[in-house]
C-alpha atoms as a PDB file:
ATOM      1  CA  MET A   1      -8.900 -28.908  -1.028  1.00  0.00           C
ATOM      2  CA  THR A   2     -12.192 -27.256  -1.931  1.00  0.00           C
ATOM      3  CA  PHE A   3     -12.800 -23.553  -1.331  1.00  0.00           C
ATOM      4  CA  GLU A   4     -16.528 -23.285  -1.960  1.00  0.00           C
ATOM      5  CA  ILE A   5     -17.036 -19.516  -1.941  1.00  0.00           C
ATOM      6  CA  ALA A   6     -14.091 -18.926  -4.283  1.00  0.00           C
ATOM      7  CA  GLY A   7     -15.227 -21.843  -6.406  1.00  0.00           C
ATOM      8  CA  ILE A   8     -11.819 -23.511  -6.660  1.00  0.00           C
ATOM      9  CA  ILE A   9     -10.153 -26.808  -5.785  1.00  0.00           C
ATOM     10  CA  ILE A  10      -6.469 -26.401  -5.026  1.00  0.00           C
ATOM     11  CA  SER A  11      -3.734 -27.548  -2.633  1.00  0.00           C
ATOM     12  CA  PRO A  12      -3.587 -25.315   0.487  1.00  0.00           C
ATOM     13  CA  TRP A  13       0.185 -25.014   0.048  1.00  0.00           C
ATOM     14  CA  ILE A  14      -0.293 -22.884  -3.085  1.00  0.00           C
ATOM     15  CA  PRO A  15      -2.055 -19.948  -1.329  1.00  0.00           C
ATOM     16  CA  ILE A  16       0.429 -20.198   1.546  1.00  0.00           C
ATOM     17  CA  LEU A  17       3.401 -19.978  -0.829  1.00  0.00           C
ATOM     18  CA  TRP A  18       1.843 -17.112  -2.794  1.00  0.00           C
ATOM     19  CA  GLY A  19       1.123 -15.314   0.477  1.00  0.00           C
ATOM     20  CA  ILE A  20       4.815 -15.628   1.429  1.00  0.00           C
ATOM     21  CA  LEU A  21       5.722 -13.993  -1.900  1.00  0.00           C
ATOM     22  CA  ILE A  22       3.248 -11.133  -1.268  1.00  0.00           C
ATOM     23  CA  GLY A  23       4.580 -10.495   2.227  1.00  0.00           C
ATOM     24  CA  PHE A  24       8.198 -10.745   1.141  1.00  0.00           C
ATOM     25  CA  VAL A  25       7.867  -8.332  -1.793  1.00  0.00           C
ATOM     26  CA  PHE A  26       5.729  -5.815   0.120  1.00  0.00           C
ATOM     27  CA  SER A  27       8.090  -5.788   3.124  1.00  0.00           C
ATOM     28  CA  THR A  28      11.265  -5.447   1.012  1.00  0.00           C
ATOM     29  CA  VAL A  29      10.203  -3.242  -1.901  1.00  0.00           C
ATOM     30  CA  GLY A  30       7.320  -1.443  -0.176  1.00  0.00           C
ATOM     31  CA  ALA A  31       4.996  -1.652  -3.166  1.00  0.00           C
ATOM     32  CA  ALA A  32       2.827  -3.935  -5.292  1.00  0.00           C
ATOM     33  CA  GLY A  33       1.478  -6.029  -2.405  1.00  0.00           C
ATOM     34  CA  GLY A  34      -2.132  -5.530  -3.571  1.00  0.00           C
ATOM     35  CA  ILE A  35      -1.134  -6.152  -7.202  1.00  0.00           C
ATOM     36  CA  LEU A  36       0.479  -9.498  -6.418  1.00  0.00           C
ATOM     37  CA  ALA A  37      -2.440 -10.459  -4.197  1.00  0.00           C
ATOM     38  CA  SER A  38      -4.938  -9.821  -7.004  1.00  0.00           C
ATOM     39  CA  VAL A  39      -2.779 -11.538  -9.637  1.00  0.00           C
ATOM     40  CA  GLY A  40      -2.365 -14.561  -7.407  1.00  0.00           C
ATOM     41  CA  LEU A  41      -6.111 -14.835  -6.803  1.00  0.00           C
ATOM     42  CA  ILE A  42      -6.914 -14.475 -10.503  1.00  0.00           C
ATOM     43  CA  SER A  43      -4.097 -16.217 -12.347  1.00  0.00           C
ATOM     44  CA  VAL A  44      -2.625 -18.629  -9.780  1.00  0.00           C
ATOM     45  CA  LEU A  45      -5.663 -19.655  -7.718  1.00  0.00           C
ATOM     46  CA  ASN A  46      -8.060 -19.151 -10.637  1.00  0.00           C
ATOM     47  CA  VAL A  47     -10.688 -17.076  -8.773  1.00  0.00           C
ATOM     48  CA  GLN A  48     -12.855 -15.661 -11.575  1.00  0.00           C
ATOM     49  CA  THR A  49     -15.105 -13.269  -9.596  1.00  0.00           C
ATOM     50  CA  PRO A  50     -13.608  -9.736  -9.484  1.00  0.00           C
ATOM     51  CA  ASN A  51     -15.954  -8.629  -6.690  1.00  0.00           C
ATOM     52  CA  LEU A  52     -14.431 -11.384  -4.516  1.00  0.00           C
ATOM     53  CA  VAL A  53     -10.854 -10.702  -5.617  1.00  0.00           C
ATOM     54  CA  LYS A  54     -10.944  -7.000  -4.690  1.00  0.00           C
ATOM     55  CA  PRO A  55     -11.788  -7.170  -0.963  1.00  0.00           C
ATOM     56  CA  MET A  56      -9.740 -10.374  -0.489  1.00  0.00           C
ATOM     57  CA  ALA A  57      -6.653  -8.643  -1.923  1.00  0.00           C
ATOM     58  CA  GLN A  58      -7.220  -5.625   0.308  1.00  0.00           C
ATOM     59  CA  VAL A  59      -7.373  -7.844   3.393  1.00  0.00           C
ATOM     60  CA  LEU A  60      -3.898  -9.109   2.510  1.00  0.00           C
ATOM     61  CA  THR A  61      -2.550  -5.559   2.137  1.00  0.00           C
ATOM     62  CA  LEU A  62      -3.638  -4.827   5.735  1.00  0.00           C
ATOM     63  CA  VAL A  63      -1.064  -7.213   7.222  1.00  0.00           C
ATOM     64  CA  THR A  64       1.942  -4.906   6.929  1.00  0.00           C
ATOM     65  CA  PRO A  65       0.204  -1.719   8.197  1.00  0.00           C
ATOM     66  CA  ILE A  66      -1.289  -3.543  11.186  1.00  0.00           C
ATOM     67  CA  ILE A  67       2.180  -4.781  12.191  1.00  0.00           C
ATOM     68  CA  ALA A  68       4.056  -1.605  11.304  1.00  0.00           C
ATOM     69  CA  VAL A  69       1.835   1.276  12.528  1.00  0.00           C
ATOM     70  CA  PRO A  70       2.206   0.592  16.302  1.00  0.00           C
ATOM     71  CA  LEU A  71       5.979   0.306  15.868  1.00  0.00           C
ATOM     72  CA  TYR A  72       6.140   3.592  13.940  1.00  0.00           C
ATOM     73  CA  TYR A  73       3.985   5.277  16.585  1.00  0.00           C
ATOM     74  CA  LYS A  74       6.361   4.211  19.371  1.00  0.00           C
ATOM     75  CA  GLN A  75       9.232   5.737  17.370  1.00  0.00           C
ATOM     76  CA  CYS A  76       7.326   9.047  16.952  1.00  0.00           C
ATOM     77  CA  ARG A  77       7.534   8.740  13.157  1.00  0.00           C
ATOM     78  CA  LEU A  78       3.792   8.979  12.541  1.00  0.00           C
ATOM     79  CA  VAL A  79       2.206  12.275  11.402  1.00  0.00           C
ATOM     80  CA  TYR A  80      -1.126  11.211  12.850  1.00  0.00           C
ATOM     81  CA  SER A  81      -2.969  14.368  11.790  1.00  0.00           C
ATOM     82  CA  LEU A  82      -2.024  13.871   8.121  1.00  0.00           C
ATOM     83  CA  ALA A  83      -2.781  10.132   8.254  1.00  0.00           C
ATOM     84  CA  LEU A  84      -6.212  10.764   9.819  1.00  0.00           C
ATOM     85  CA  ILE A  85      -7.098  13.495   7.320  1.00  0.00           C
ATOM     86  CA  LEU A  86      -5.995  11.336   4.384  1.00  0.00           C
ATOM     87  CA  GLY A  87      -7.937   8.509   6.002  1.00  0.00           C
ATOM     88  CA  ALA A  88     -11.051  10.639   6.489  1.00  0.00           C
ATOM     89  CA  GLY A  89     -11.078  11.524   2.799  1.00  0.00           C
ATOM     90  CA  GLY A  90     -10.268   7.872   2.121  1.00  0.00           C
ATOM     91  CA  VAL A  91     -13.370   6.685   3.977  1.00  0.00           C
ATOM     92  CA  ILE A  92     -15.593   8.641   1.575  1.00  0.00           C
ATOM     93  CA  GLY A  93     -13.499   7.628  -1.432  1.00  0.00           C
ATOM     94  CA  ALA A  94     -13.490   3.968  -0.408  1.00  0.00           C
ATOM     95  CA  VAL A  95     -17.279   3.868  -0.183  1.00  0.00           C
ATOM     96  CA  ILE A  96     -17.625   5.565  -3.580  1.00  0.00           C
ATOM     97  CA  GLY A  97     -14.951   3.430  -5.266  1.00  0.00           C
ATOM     98  CA  SER A  98     -16.105   0.067  -3.942  1.00  0.00           C
ATOM     99  CA  SER A  99     -19.795   0.872  -4.652  1.00  0.00           C
ATOM    100  CA  LEU A 100     -19.030   1.816  -8.260  1.00  0.00           C
ATOM    101  CA  SER A 101     -16.731  -1.175  -8.698  1.00  0.00           C
ATOM    102  CA  VAL A 102     -19.320  -3.713  -7.572  1.00  0.00           C
ATOM    103  CA  SER A 103     -21.654  -2.706 -10.384  1.00  0.00           C
ATOM    104  CA  HIS A 104     -19.251  -1.541 -13.149  1.00  0.00           C
ATOM    105  CA  LEU A 105     -16.260  -3.878 -12.702  1.00  0.00           C
ATOM    106  CA  ALA A 106     -18.111  -7.053 -11.861  1.00  0.00           C
ATOM    107  CA  ASP A 107     -16.744  -9.350 -14.596  1.00  0.00           C
ATOM    108  CA  MET A 108     -13.240 -10.155 -15.785  1.00  0.00           C
ATOM    109  CA  SER A 109     -13.739  -8.672 -19.239  1.00  0.00           C
ATOM    110  CA  SER A 110     -14.204  -5.206 -17.753  1.00  0.00           C
ATOM    111  CA  PHE A 111     -11.969  -5.585 -14.681  1.00  0.00           C
ATOM    112  CA  LYS A 112      -8.806  -6.919 -16.308  1.00  0.00           C
ATOM    113  CA  PRO A 113      -8.137  -4.011 -18.728  1.00  0.00           C
ATOM    114  CA  VAL A 114      -8.600  -1.394 -15.970  1.00  0.00           C
ATOM    115  CA  PHE A 115      -6.444  -3.452 -13.610  1.00  0.00           C
ATOM    116  CA  ALA A 116      -3.805  -3.781 -16.359  1.00  0.00           C
ATOM    117  CA  PHE A 117      -3.713   0.015 -16.806  1.00  0.00           C
ATOM    118  CA  MET A 118      -3.030   0.440 -13.078  1.00  0.00           C
ATOM    119  CA  VAL A 119      -0.298  -2.233 -13.150  1.00  0.00           C
ATOM    120  CA  LEU A 120       1.456  -0.528 -16.084  1.00  0.00           C
ATOM    121  CA  LEU A 121       1.152   2.828 -14.274  1.00  0.00           C
ATOM    122  CA  ILE A 122       2.910   1.394 -11.220  1.00  0.00           C
ATOM    123  CA  ALA A 123       5.565  -0.215 -13.466  1.00  0.00           C
ATOM    124  CA  ALA A 124       6.195   3.162 -15.159  1.00  0.00           C
ATOM    125  CA  GLN A 125       6.551   4.811 -11.766  1.00  0.00           C
ATOM    126  CA  MET A 126       9.075   2.168 -10.661  1.00  0.00           C
ATOM    127  CA  ALA A 127      11.054   2.601 -13.877  1.00  0.00           C
ATOM    128  CA  TRP A 128      11.194   6.359 -13.355  1.00  0.00           C
ATOM    129  CA  GLN A 129      12.435   5.909  -9.801  1.00  0.00           C
ATOM    130  CA  MET A 130      15.140   3.447 -10.892  1.00  0.00           C
ATOM    131  CA  LEU A 131      16.340   5.698 -13.727  1.00  0.00           C
ATOM    132  CA  GLN A 132      16.570   8.768 -11.505  1.00  0.00           C
ATOM    133  CA  ARG A 133      20.088   8.744 -10.180  1.00  0.00           C
ATOM    134  CA  LYS A 134      19.367  11.547  -7.770  1.00  0.00           C
ATOM    135  CA  GLN A 135      15.827  12.658  -7.196  1.00  0.00           C
ATOM    136  CA  LYS A 136      15.230  16.292  -6.392  1.00  0.00           C
ATOM    137  CA  ARG A 137      14.450  16.455  -2.721  1.00  0.00           C
ATOM    138  CA  SER A 138      13.971  19.195  -0.203  1.00  0.00           C
ATOM    139  CA  GLU A 139      17.157  20.196   1.614  1.00  0.00           C
ATOM    140  CA  LYS A 140      15.055  20.536   4.742  1.00  0.00           C
ATOM    141  CA  SER A 141      13.838  16.951   4.325  1.00  0.00           C
ATOM    142  CA  ASP A 142      17.408  15.713   3.818  1.00  0.00           C
ATOM    143  CA  ARG A 143      18.600  17.541   6.942  1.00  0.00           C
ATOM    144  CA  ALA A 144      15.811  16.068   9.053  1.00  0.00           C
ATOM    145  CA  SER A 145      16.508  12.563   7.752  1.00  0.00           C
ATOM    146  CA  SER A 146      20.243  12.922   8.331  1.00  0.00           C
ATOM    147  CA  TYR A 147      19.732  14.172  11.867  1.00  0.00           C
ATOM    148  CA  PHE A 148      17.348  11.291  12.648  1.00  0.00           C
ATOM    149  CA  GLU A 149      19.772   8.722  11.172  1.00  0.00           C
ATOM    150  CA  LYS A 150      22.641  10.040  13.347  1.00  0.00           C
ATOM    151  CA  LEU A 151      20.452   9.953  16.437  1.00  0.00           C
ATOM    152  CA  ILE A 152      19.552   6.282  15.830  1.00  0.00           C
ATOM    153  CA  GLU A 153      23.192   5.448  15.017  1.00  0.00           C
ATOM    154  CA  PHE A 154      24.236   6.635  18.474  1.00  0.00           C
ATOM    155  CA  ASN A 155      21.285   4.901  20.208  1.00  0.00           C
ATOM    156  CA  GLY A 156      19.442   8.135  20.881  1.00  0.00           C
ATOM    157  CA  GLU A 157      15.768   8.391  21.810  1.00  0.00           C
ATOM    158  CA  PRO A 158      13.718   8.756  18.551  1.00  0.00           C
ATOM    159  CA  CYS A 159      10.937  10.705  20.209  1.00  0.00           C
ATOM    160  CA  SER A 160      13.345  13.421  21.279  1.00  0.00           C
ATOM    161  CA  ILE A 161      13.319  14.722  17.685  1.00  0.00           C
ATOM    162  CA  GLY A 162      10.242  12.830  16.488  1.00  0.00           C
ATOM    163  CA  VAL A 163       7.013  14.245  15.122  1.00  0.00           C
ATOM    164  CA  LYS A 164       5.570  17.058  17.251  1.00  0.00           C
ATOM    165  CA  HIS A 165       2.591  19.153  16.128  1.00  0.00           C
ATOM    166  CA  LYS A 166       2.760  22.916  16.642  1.00  0.00           C
ATOM    167  CA  LEU A 167      -0.177  24.577  14.872  1.00  0.00           C
ATOM    168  CA  TYR A 168      -3.616  23.520  13.674  1.00  0.00           C
ATOM    169  CA  SER A 169      -5.787  25.604  11.338  1.00  0.00           C
ATOM    170  CA  ILE A 170      -8.211  25.034   8.473  1.00  0.00           C
ATOM    171  CA  ASN A 171      -5.568  26.057   5.924  1.00  0.00           C
ATOM    172  CA  LYS A 172      -2.328  24.847   7.490  1.00  0.00           C
ATOM    173  CA  ILE A 173      -0.996  22.294   9.953  1.00  0.00           C
ATOM    174  CA  ASN A 174       2.579  22.661  11.181  1.00  0.00           C
ATOM    175  CA  PHE A 175       4.745  20.034  12.832  1.00  0.00           C
ATOM    176  CA  THR A 176       8.428  19.367  13.468  1.00  0.00           C
ATOM    177  CA  PHE A 177      10.594  16.321  12.760  1.00  0.00           C
ATOM    178  CA  GLY A 178      14.363  16.082  13.062  1.00  0.00           C
ATOM    179  CA  ASN A 179      14.479  19.693  14.340  1.00  0.00           C
ATOM    180  CA  GLU A 180      12.949  20.941  11.055  1.00  0.00           C
ATOM    181  CA  ASP A 181       9.567  22.548  10.464  1.00  0.00           C
ATOM    182  CA  PHE A 182       7.072  21.029   8.002  1.00  0.00           C
ATOM    183  CA  SER A 183       3.531  21.932   7.034  1.00  0.00           C
ATOM    184  CA  TYR A 184       0.665  20.862   4.771  1.00  0.00           C
ATOM    185  CA  ASN A 185      -2.787  22.002   3.706  1.00  0.00           C
ATOM    186  CA  PRO A 186      -5.407  19.743   5.389  1.00  0.00           C
ATOM    187  CA  LEU A 187      -8.049  20.425   2.705  1.00  0.00           C
ATOM    188  CA  LEU A 188      -5.658  19.310  -0.023  1.00  0.00           C
ATOM    189  CA  ALA A 189      -4.774  16.195   1.969  1.00  0.00           C
ATOM    190  CA  PHE A 190      -8.473  15.356   2.460  1.00  0.00           C
ATOM    191  CA  PHE A 191      -9.342  15.491  -1.223  1.00  0.00           C
ATOM    192  CA  ILE A 192      -6.150  13.703  -2.288  1.00  0.00           C
ATOM    193  CA  GLY A 193      -6.991  10.933   0.166  1.00  0.00           C
ATOM    194  CA  MET A 194     -10.495  10.724  -1.263  1.00  0.00           C
ATOM    195  CA  GLY A 195      -9.274  10.502  -4.866  1.00  0.00           C
ATOM    196  CA  ILE A 196      -6.647   7.842  -4.130  1.00  0.00           C
ATOM    197  CA  ALA A 197      -9.152   5.770  -2.165  1.00  0.00           C
ATOM    198  CA  ILE A 198     -11.721   5.854  -4.994  1.00  0.00           C
ATOM    199  CA  PHE A 199      -9.112   4.467  -7.380  1.00  0.00           C
ATOM    200  CA  SER A 200      -7.537   1.910  -5.042  1.00  0.00           C
ATOM    201  CA  SER A 201     -10.754   0.552  -3.547  1.00  0.00           C
ATOM    202  CA  ALA A 202     -12.314   0.147  -6.998  1.00  0.00           C
ATOM    203  CA  LEU A 203      -9.368  -2.098  -7.982  1.00  0.00           C
ATOM    204  CA  GLY A 204      -8.703  -3.789  -4.667  1.00  0.00           C
ATOM    205  CA  VAL A 205      -5.240  -2.388  -3.857  1.00  0.00           C
ATOM    206  CA  GLY A 206      -3.759  -0.415  -0.985  1.00  0.00           C
ATOM    207  CA  GLY A 207      -2.920   2.838  -2.771  1.00  0.00           C
ATOM    208  CA  GLY A 208       0.570   3.297  -1.331  1.00  0.00           C
ATOM    209  CA  PHE A 209       2.032   3.762  -4.820  1.00  0.00           C
ATOM    210  CA  LEU A 210       0.089   7.059  -5.001  1.00  0.00           C
ATOM    211  CA  LEU A 211       0.190   8.148  -1.375  1.00  0.00           C
ATOM    212  CA  VAL A 212       3.961   7.862  -1.024  1.00  0.00           C
ATOM    213  CA  PRO A 213       4.792  10.112  -4.047  1.00  0.00           C
ATOM    214  CA  PHE A 214       2.207  12.663  -2.858  1.00  0.00           C
ATOM    215  CA  MET A 215       3.847  12.964   0.539  1.00  0.00           C
ATOM    216  CA  SER A 216       7.477  12.700  -0.591  1.00  0.00           C
ATOM    217  CA  ILE A 217       7.332  14.747  -3.828  1.00  0.00           C
ATOM    218  CA  VAL A 218       4.405  17.159  -3.357  1.00  0.00           C
ATOM    219  CA  LEU A 219       4.579  17.723   0.409  1.00  0.00           C
ATOM    220  CA  ARG A 220       8.368  17.070   0.496  1.00  0.00           C
ATOM    221  CA  LEU A 221       8.326  15.093   3.706  1.00  0.00           C
ATOM    222  CA  PRO A 222      11.173  12.796   4.827  1.00  0.00           C
ATOM    223  CA  MET A 223      10.739   9.119   3.979  1.00  0.00           C
ATOM    224  CA  PHE A 224      11.218   8.281   7.673  1.00  0.00           C
ATOM    225  CA  ILE A 225       7.710   9.648   8.336  1.00  0.00           C
ATOM    226  CA  VAL A 226       6.134   9.038   4.908  1.00  0.00           C
ATOM    227  CA  ALA A 227       6.059   5.230   5.268  1.00  0.00           C
ATOM    228  CA  ALA A 228       4.413   5.353   8.689  1.00  0.00           C
ATOM    229  CA  THR A 229       1.827   7.972   7.722  1.00  0.00           C
ATOM    230  CA  SER A 230       0.975   6.182   4.475  1.00  0.00           C
ATOM    231  CA  ALA A 231       0.502   2.879   6.338  1.00  0.00           C
ATOM    232  CA  LEU A 232      -2.115   4.294   8.717  1.00  0.00           C
ATOM    233  CA  ALA A 233      -4.016   6.074   5.938  1.00  0.00           C
ATOM    234  CA  ILE A 234      -4.063   2.861   3.865  1.00  0.00           C
ATOM    235  CA  MET A 235      -5.299   0.886   6.834  1.00  0.00           C
ATOM    236  CA  ILE A 236      -8.230   3.260   7.384  1.00  0.00           C
ATOM    237  CA  HIS A 237      -9.530   3.336   3.796  1.00  0.00           C
ATOM    238  CA  SER A 238      -8.802  -0.351   3.148  1.00  0.00           C
ATOM    239  CA  ILE A 239     -10.895  -1.429   6.138  1.00  0.00           C
ATOM    240  CA  THR A 240     -13.680   0.900   4.955  1.00  0.00           C
ATOM    241  CA  SER A 241     -13.528  -0.568   1.450  1.00  0.00           C
ATOM    242  CA  ILE A 242     -13.613  -4.182   2.697  1.00  0.00           C
ATOM    243  CA  VAL A 243     -16.573  -3.482   4.995  1.00  0.00           C
ATOM    244  CA  ASN A 244     -18.477  -1.756   2.194  1.00  0.00           C
ATOM    245  CA  TYR A 245     -17.896  -4.661  -0.197  1.00  0.00           C
ATOM    246  CA  MET A 246     -19.333  -6.958   2.460  1.00  0.00           C
ATOM    247  CA  ARG A 247     -22.260  -4.567   3.064  1.00  0.00           C
ATOM    248  CA  LEU A 248     -23.012  -4.741  -0.648  1.00  0.00           C
ATOM    249  CA  GLY A 249     -23.352  -8.503  -0.425  1.00  0.00           C
ATOM    250  CA  ILE A 250     -19.847  -9.782  -1.234  1.00  0.00           C
ATOM    251  CA  GLU A 251     -19.049 -12.877   0.855  1.00  0.00           C
ATOM    252  CA  LEU A 252     -15.366 -13.443   1.580  1.00  0.00           C
ATOM    253  CA  ASP A 253     -13.812 -16.920   1.431  1.00  0.00           C
ATOM    254  CA  TYR A 254     -12.467 -16.959   4.989  1.00  0.00           C
ATOM    255  CA  LEU A 255     -10.894 -20.415   4.666  1.00  0.00           C
ATOM    256  CA  LEU A 256      -8.849 -19.318   1.655  1.00  0.00           C
ATOM    257  CA  LEU A 257      -7.947 -16.090   3.482  1.00  0.00           C
ATOM    258  CA  ILE A 258      -6.521 -18.049   6.417  1.00  0.00           C
ATOM    259  CA  PHE A 259      -4.004 -19.777   4.183  1.00  0.00           C
ATOM    260  CA  LEU A 260      -3.132 -16.608   2.274  1.00  0.00           C
ATOM    261  CA  LEU A 261      -2.751 -14.570   5.477  1.00  0.00           C
ATOM    262  CA  THR A 262      -0.546 -17.245   7.046  1.00  0.00           C
ATOM    263  CA  GLY A 263       1.838 -16.984   4.105  1.00  0.00           C
ATOM    264  CA  THR A 264       1.696 -13.169   3.996  1.00  0.00           C
ATOM    265  CA  ILE A 265       2.570 -12.865   7.695  1.00  0.00           C
ATOM    266  CA  LEU A 266       5.483 -15.270   7.256  1.00  0.00           C
ATOM    267  CA  GLY A 267       6.689 -13.344   4.213  1.00  0.00           C
ATOM    268  CA  SER A 268       6.395 -10.014   6.057  1.00  0.00           C
ATOM    269  CA  PHE A 269       8.716 -11.276   8.791  1.00  0.00           C
ATOM    270  CA  LEU A 270      11.119 -13.021   6.372  1.00  0.00           C
ATOM    271  CA  GLY A 271      11.505  -9.966   4.124  1.00  0.00           C
ATOM    272  CA  PRO A 272      13.527  -7.757   6.504  1.00  0.00           C
ATOM    273  CA  TYR A 273      15.856 -10.670   7.365  1.00  0.00           C
ATOM    274  CA  LEU A 274      16.467 -11.889   3.797  1.00  0.00           C
ATOM    275  CA  SER A 275      16.530  -8.510   2.072  1.00  0.00           C
ATOM    276  CA  LYS A 276      19.955  -7.651   3.519  1.00  0.00           C
ATOM    277  CA  TYR A 277      21.400 -10.404   1.317  1.00  0.00           C
ATOM    278  CA  LEU A 278      19.676  -9.137  -1.836  1.00  0.00           C
ATOM    279  CA  HIS A 279      20.255  -5.961  -3.848  1.00  0.00           C
ATOM    280  CA  GLU A 280      17.154  -3.761  -3.704  1.00  0.00           C
ATOM    281  CA  THR A 281      17.729  -2.573  -7.283  1.00  0.00           C
ATOM    282  CA  TRP A 282      17.622  -6.179  -8.500  1.00  0.00           C
ATOM    283  CA  LEU A 283      14.398  -6.809  -6.609  1.00  0.00           C
ATOM    284  CA  ARG A 284      12.806  -3.704  -8.081  1.00  0.00           C
ATOM    285  CA  GLY A 285      14.021  -4.646 -11.559  1.00  0.00           C
ATOM    286  CA  ILE A 286      12.551  -8.135 -11.346  1.00  0.00           C
ATOM    287  CA  LEU A 287       9.289  -6.745  -9.970  1.00  0.00           C
ATOM    288  CA  PHE A 288       9.194  -4.194 -12.814  1.00  0.00           C
ATOM    289  CA  LEU A 289       9.498  -6.983 -15.419  1.00  0.00           C
ATOM    290  CA  VAL A 290       6.792  -9.004 -13.647  1.00  0.00           C
ATOM    291  CA  LEU A 291       4.421  -6.013 -13.609  1.00  0.00           C
ATOM    292  CA  ILE A 292       5.007  -5.255 -17.294  1.00  0.00           C
ATOM    293  CA  THR A 293       4.285  -8.888 -18.159  1.00  0.00           C
ATOM    294  CA  ILE A 294       1.107  -8.866 -16.060  1.00  0.00           C
ATOM    295  CA  GLY A 295      -0.107  -5.608 -17.581  1.00  0.00           C
ATOM    296  CA  PHE A 296       0.354  -6.727 -21.162  1.00  0.00           C
ATOM    297  CA  ARG A 297      -1.052 -10.165 -20.408  1.00  0.00           C
ATOM    298  CA  TYR A 298      -4.238  -8.736 -18.888  1.00  0.00           C
ATOM    299  CA  LEU A 299      -4.621  -6.432 -21.914  1.00  0.00           C
ATOM    300  CA  TYR A 300      -4.643  -9.619 -24.008  1.00  0.00           C
ATOM    301  CA  ILE A 301      -1.605  -8.416 -26.010  1.00  0.00           C
ATOM    302  CA  PHE A 302      -0.120 -11.941 -25.703  1.00  0.00           C
END
């Protein structure tokens, strides 16, 4: 089958199968969806135009947030103020990052080494997480998570102890979750969101690998609300980035996207069902080896 805009001739089953892999990995491991999307477009489907790869990959990373955010919202696990502030900074960052990328990372010789650096950075982060037997976490965060887990175990109503905002100011926003108080600086969140969006939109990824550590390690928030908040922030700046790429004249291959999205949606639904039969540590270990191989390969080391 011919995909004219992408400039490739390939069986439609290949993008469908790769999309299933993207959705499966992203829904089970929670990372590297954008990486696998870009690698598939470049190395499996043989798309050789970085400015087409970047927005196409970001479209694929939108699947999980679009499905997940409404569900998280119904469970009162979404810190909407933090997500919107990160997203507001992300809108500016996405415009800056995608605009710079169109002109400065427009060919594979310049794009691949920068992309490889990001892949190796994510691999290093995964290795650190796997080697840490017990990460240092906030006792308050642990208490909130434990209380929420017990509530769900006994079929309680999530919103009874879900996210509730208490105080808004220019320097501090307070909210409760799991009967514990949490707070963050909105100005810090805005500029962090901007910085992450510049980096992720320039390379065509979601940015969750940076947003999640910021919220869990720096802000010390429970993972029950980190995933939801990160998903909404990613959705905001990814949409902005895609629209800006298109505004700058990048035409998406919609036919190819249909096949990739079909696979990604299937993989996103299959992941939660199949992951219970697989050990998460094994999945992360395999993904780590894949990322290391990709990084070194794109640096032309072998």
